[in-house]
Amino acid sequence: MTGQVRTVDGRVAGRRGQATRQKLLDCLGEMLSTSPYRDVKVIDVARMAGTSPATFYQYFPDVEGAVLELADDMAKEGAALTDLVAGRSWVGKAGAQTAEDLVDGFLSFWRKHDAILRVVDLGAAEGDKRFNRIRTRILTAVSGSLTEAVKELQSKGRVDKDVSAPAVASSLVAMMAAVAAHQKGFSGTGVKQADLKPTLALLVYLGVTGKKPTK
């Protein structure tokens, strides 16, 4: 961990303090992957980290405050999702590959951060603006680049100019997020996991270009 890290009362944490704080966050992340968010208690996180609740409260006001720290770190990593779209071609086979890479990267990101994303979605659904801002940051990393991609195709006459590029981009990202959040649940509906990514990539390509991909 680098940079200045402060305790709840404003003191700058030293190297050992930073390491303890990070261990608490790591343990919290691990607990969220195996327990419902509402069941996670400060005493359990502290015990798992080999420290005390008093130490936990030196760095975080409560479990929710620590979760927000994890979510913020995740959102920073999510900013890289824009690289899956920015500067990529959406024409022909190259475009089909762009759609596949975007879907693959998006689903992988969601799987990696599934536990914390479930908490973010829950907080956002309950109207917590802090969680909603984090969710928006992640989705905007992709929708912004997709908007520019659609606009570029419009400027070249490949997509109808009457189409709203931001609306298309936001709709596609919302679709990917919904699918990503329910990846494990599709097995009970007769959908094969092997069919999920190529089908989603096809829908994304169609949404951006308005055409079927070239084989």
Protein backbone atom coordinates (compact mmCIF):
# COMPACT_ATOMS: atom_id res chain seq x y z
CA MET A 1 0.00 0.00 0.00
CA THR A 2 1.46 3.39 -0.89
CA GLY A 3 0.63 7.00 -0.12
CA GLN A 4 -0.67 8.53 3.09
CA VAL A 5 -3.25 6.51 4.97
CA ARG A 6 -5.00 8.12 7.89
CA THR A 7 -6.79 6.64 10.85
CA VAL A 8 -10.37 7.58 11.68
CA ASP A 9 -9.14 10.34 14.02
CA GLY A 10 -6.91 11.84 11.31
CA ARG A 11 -3.48 10.49 12.28
CA VAL A 12 -1.15 9.29 9.53
CA ALA A 13 -0.71 5.53 9.72
CA GLY A 14 2.79 4.14 9.64
CA ARG A 15 3.95 1.17 7.60
CA ARG A 16 2.72 -1.38 10.15
CA GLY A 17 -0.57 0.44 10.46
CA GLN A 18 -1.04 0.41 6.71
CA ALA A 19 -0.29 -3.30 6.60
CA THR A 20 -2.83 -3.96 9.36
CA ARG A 21 -5.44 -1.85 7.58
CA GLN A 22 -4.88 -3.74 4.34
CA LYS A 23 -5.09 -7.09 6.12
CA LEU A 24 -8.44 -6.06 7.58
CA LEU A 25 -9.67 -5.16 4.09
CA ASP A 26 -8.39 -8.45 2.66
CA CYS A 27 -10.16 -10.43 5.39
CA LEU A 28 -13.34 -8.44 4.87
CA GLY A 29 -13.22 -9.18 1.15
CA GLU A 30 -12.75 -12.87 1.86
CA MET A 31 -15.67 -12.91 4.30
CA LEU A 32 -17.96 -11.16 1.82
CA SER A 33 -17.29 -13.95 -0.67
CA THR A 34 -18.59 -16.58 1.76
CA SER A 35 -21.14 -14.75 3.94
CA PRO A 36 -24.10 -12.43 3.35
CA TYR A 37 -23.09 -8.78 3.75
CA ARG A 38 -25.53 -8.19 6.63
CA ASP A 39 -24.00 -11.08 8.59
CA VAL A 40 -20.44 -9.73 8.53
CA LYS A 41 -19.51 -8.22 11.91
CA VAL A 42 -16.52 -6.15 12.98
CA ILE A 43 -15.51 -8.69 15.63
CA ASP A 44 -15.41 -11.47 13.02
CA VAL A 45 -13.28 -9.45 10.59
CA ALA A 46 -10.89 -8.46 13.37
CA ARG A 47 -10.60 -12.04 14.62
CA MET A 48 -9.86 -13.31 11.12
CA ALA A 49 -7.17 -10.65 10.73
CA GLY A 50 -5.64 -11.61 14.08
CA THR A 51 -6.36 -8.27 15.72
CA SER A 52 -9.05 -6.58 17.83
CA PRO A 53 -12.28 -4.69 17.08
CA ALA A 54 -10.60 -1.62 18.62
CA THR A 55 -7.92 -1.81 15.93
CA PHE A 56 -10.57 -2.14 13.23
CA TYR A 57 -12.24 1.04 14.48
CA GLN A 58 -8.94 2.89 14.25
CA TYR A 59 -9.14 2.62 10.48
CA PHE A 60 -12.85 2.30 9.65
CA PRO A 61 -16.01 3.74 11.24
CA ASP A 62 -17.89 0.48 10.64
CA VAL A 63 -18.15 -2.48 8.25
CA GLU A 64 -19.91 -0.34 5.66
CA GLY A 65 -17.07 2.17 5.70
CA ALA A 66 -14.55 -0.60 5.06
CA VAL A 67 -16.73 -2.03 2.28
CA LEU A 68 -16.74 1.39 0.61
CA GLU A 69 -12.93 1.35 0.68
CA LEU A 70 -12.92 -2.03 -1.05
CA ALA A 71 -15.47 -0.79 -3.57
CA ASP A 72 -13.43 2.32 -4.32
CA ASP A 73 -10.32 0.24 -5.01
CA MET A 74 -12.39 -1.99 -7.29
CA ALA A 75 -13.74 1.03 -9.17
CA LYS A 76 -10.19 2.27 -9.78
CA GLU A 77 -9.35 -1.10 -11.32
CA GLY A 78 -12.59 -0.95 -13.32
CA ALA A 79 -11.40 2.23 -15.03
CA ALA A 80 -9.18 -0.01 -17.16
CA LEU A 81 -12.29 -1.53 -18.76
CA THR A 82 -12.32 1.44 -21.10
CA ASP A 83 -9.23 -0.03 -22.80
CA LEU A 84 -11.40 -2.88 -24.10
CA VAL A 85 -13.21 -0.39 -26.34
CA ALA A 86 -11.17 2.78 -26.78
CA GLY A 87 -9.39 2.91 -30.14
CA ARG A 88 -10.69 -0.50 -31.23
CA SER A 89 -12.28 -1.21 -34.60
CA TRP A 90 -15.97 -2.14 -34.89
CA VAL A 91 -15.81 -3.04 -38.57
CA GLY A 92 -16.03 -6.59 -39.91
CA LYS A 93 -14.09 -9.39 -38.22
CA ALA A 94 -12.07 -6.89 -36.19
CA GLY A 95 -15.32 -5.48 -34.83
CA ALA A 96 -16.58 -8.92 -33.89
CA GLN A 97 -13.31 -9.50 -32.04
CA THR A 98 -13.71 -6.19 -30.21
CA ALA A 99 -17.18 -7.25 -29.04
CA GLU A 100 -15.84 -10.63 -27.88
CA ASP A 101 -12.93 -9.04 -26.00
CA LEU A 102 -15.24 -6.52 -24.34
CA VAL A 103 -17.68 -9.18 -23.17
CA ASP A 104 -14.90 -11.48 -22.00
CA GLY A 105 -13.17 -8.69 -20.05
CA PHE A 106 -16.42 -7.40 -18.58
CA LEU A 107 -17.60 -10.82 -17.40
CA SER A 108 -14.14 -11.62 -16.01
CA PHE A 109 -14.08 -8.36 -14.04
CA TRP A 110 -17.51 -9.14 -12.60
CA ARG A 111 -16.49 -12.67 -11.62
CA LYS A 112 -13.31 -11.42 -9.95
CA HIS A 113 -15.18 -8.83 -7.89
CA ASP A 114 -18.47 -10.67 -7.54
CA ALA A 115 -18.67 -10.40 -3.74
CA ILE A 116 -18.11 -6.67 -3.50
CA LEU A 117 -20.21 -5.93 -6.59
CA ARG A 118 -23.18 -7.67 -4.98
CA VAL A 119 -22.85 -5.30 -2.02
CA VAL A 120 -22.48 -2.30 -4.33
CA ASP A 121 -25.60 -3.32 -6.25
CA LEU A 122 -27.50 -3.79 -2.98
CA GLY A 123 -26.46 -0.39 -1.67
CA ALA A 124 -27.27 1.32 -4.97
CA ALA A 125 -30.68 -0.39 -5.13
CA GLU A 126 -31.43 0.87 -1.63
CA GLY A 127 -30.67 4.42 -2.71
CA ASP A 128 -27.26 4.84 -1.08
CA LYS A 129 -25.61 7.54 -3.22
CA ARG A 130 -22.10 6.43 -2.24
CA PHE A 131 -22.58 2.96 -3.67
CA ASN A 132 -24.47 4.36 -6.65
CA ARG A 133 -21.55 6.65 -7.51
CA ILE A 134 -19.13 3.72 -7.42
CA ARG A 135 -21.39 1.60 -9.64
CA THR A 136 -21.74 4.51 -12.08
CA ARG A 137 -17.95 4.95 -12.23
CA ILE A 138 -17.51 1.32 -13.26
CA LEU A 139 -20.25 1.33 -15.89
CA THR A 140 -19.23 4.73 -17.28
CA ALA A 141 -15.74 3.40 -17.94
CA VAL A 142 -17.32 1.26 -20.66
CA SER A 143 -20.35 3.29 -21.73
CA GLY A 144 -18.25 6.38 -22.39
CA SER A 145 -15.99 4.52 -24.81
CA LEU A 146 -18.93 2.74 -26.43
CA THR A 147 -20.65 6.09 -26.96
CA GLU A 148 -17.59 7.37 -28.80
CA ALA A 149 -17.45 4.18 -30.88
CA VAL A 150 -21.07 4.60 -32.02
CA LYS A 151 -20.50 8.30 -32.78
CA GLU A 152 -17.46 7.43 -34.89
CA LEU A 153 -19.48 4.91 -36.89
CA GLN A 154 -22.19 7.55 -37.35
CA SER A 155 -19.64 10.04 -38.65
CA LYS A 156 -18.62 7.50 -41.30
CA GLY A 157 -22.21 6.76 -42.29
CA ARG A 158 -22.13 3.23 -40.90
CA VAL A 159 -24.79 3.86 -38.24
CA ASP A 160 -28.00 5.90 -38.60
CA LYS A 161 -27.43 9.42 -37.26
CA ASP A 162 -30.85 9.39 -35.61
CA VAL A 163 -29.64 6.73 -33.19
CA SER A 164 -28.75 8.09 -29.72
CA ALA A 165 -25.18 6.96 -29.12
CA PRO A 166 -25.31 7.49 -25.31
CA ALA A 167 -28.60 5.59 -25.07
CA VAL A 168 -27.22 2.66 -27.09
CA ALA A 169 -24.03 2.55 -25.04
CA SER A 170 -25.79 2.77 -21.67
CA SER A 171 -28.32 0.12 -22.67
CA LEU A 172 -25.61 -2.30 -23.77
CA VAL A 173 -23.60 -1.77 -20.60
CA ALA A 174 -26.71 -2.27 -18.45
CA MET A 175 -27.38 -5.50 -20.32
CA MET A 176 -23.83 -6.75 -19.77
CA ALA A 177 -23.97 -5.83 -16.09
CA ALA A 178 -27.25 -7.70 -15.63
CA VAL A 179 -25.90 -10.80 -17.36
CA ALA A 180 -22.61 -10.58 -15.47
CA ALA A 181 -24.39 -10.37 -12.13
CA HIS A 182 -26.38 -13.53 -12.88
CA GLN A 183 -23.72 -15.67 -14.57
CA LYS A 184 -24.18 -18.50 -12.07
CA GLY A 185 -27.95 -18.38 -12.24
CA PHE A 186 -28.32 -19.14 -15.94
CA SER A 187 -27.56 -22.84 -15.49
CA GLY A 188 -31.01 -23.40 -13.99
CA THR A 189 -32.72 -21.88 -17.03
CA GLY A 190 -31.27 -24.21 -19.64
CA VAL A 191 -28.65 -21.71 -20.81
CA LYS A 192 -25.21 -23.24 -21.32
CA GLN A 193 -22.29 -21.24 -20.00
CA ALA A 194 -20.46 -21.94 -23.25
CA ASP A 195 -23.20 -20.12 -25.16
CA LEU A 196 -23.35 -17.10 -22.88
CA LYS A 197 -20.28 -15.13 -24.01
CA PRO A 198 -20.70 -15.55 -27.79
CA THR A 199 -24.39 -14.69 -27.57
CA LEU A 200 -23.72 -11.59 -25.48
CA ALA A 201 -20.91 -10.57 -27.85
CA LEU A 202 -23.31 -10.91 -30.80
CA LEU A 203 -25.87 -8.67 -29.08
CA VAL A 204 -23.20 -6.07 -28.27
CA TYR A 205 -21.93 -6.06 -31.86
CA LEU A 206 -25.47 -5.73 -33.22
CA GLY A 207 -26.19 -2.94 -30.76
CA VAL A 208 -23.13 -0.92 -31.71
CA THR A 209 -23.13 -1.48 -35.47
CA GLY A 210 -26.72 -2.42 -36.28
CA LYS A 211 -25.40 -5.33 -38.34
CA LYS A 212 -24.52 -8.97 -37.95
CA PRO A 213 -20.79 -9.68 -37.66
CA THR A 214 -18.91 -10.82 -40.75
CA LYS A 215 -17.96 -14.47 -40.65
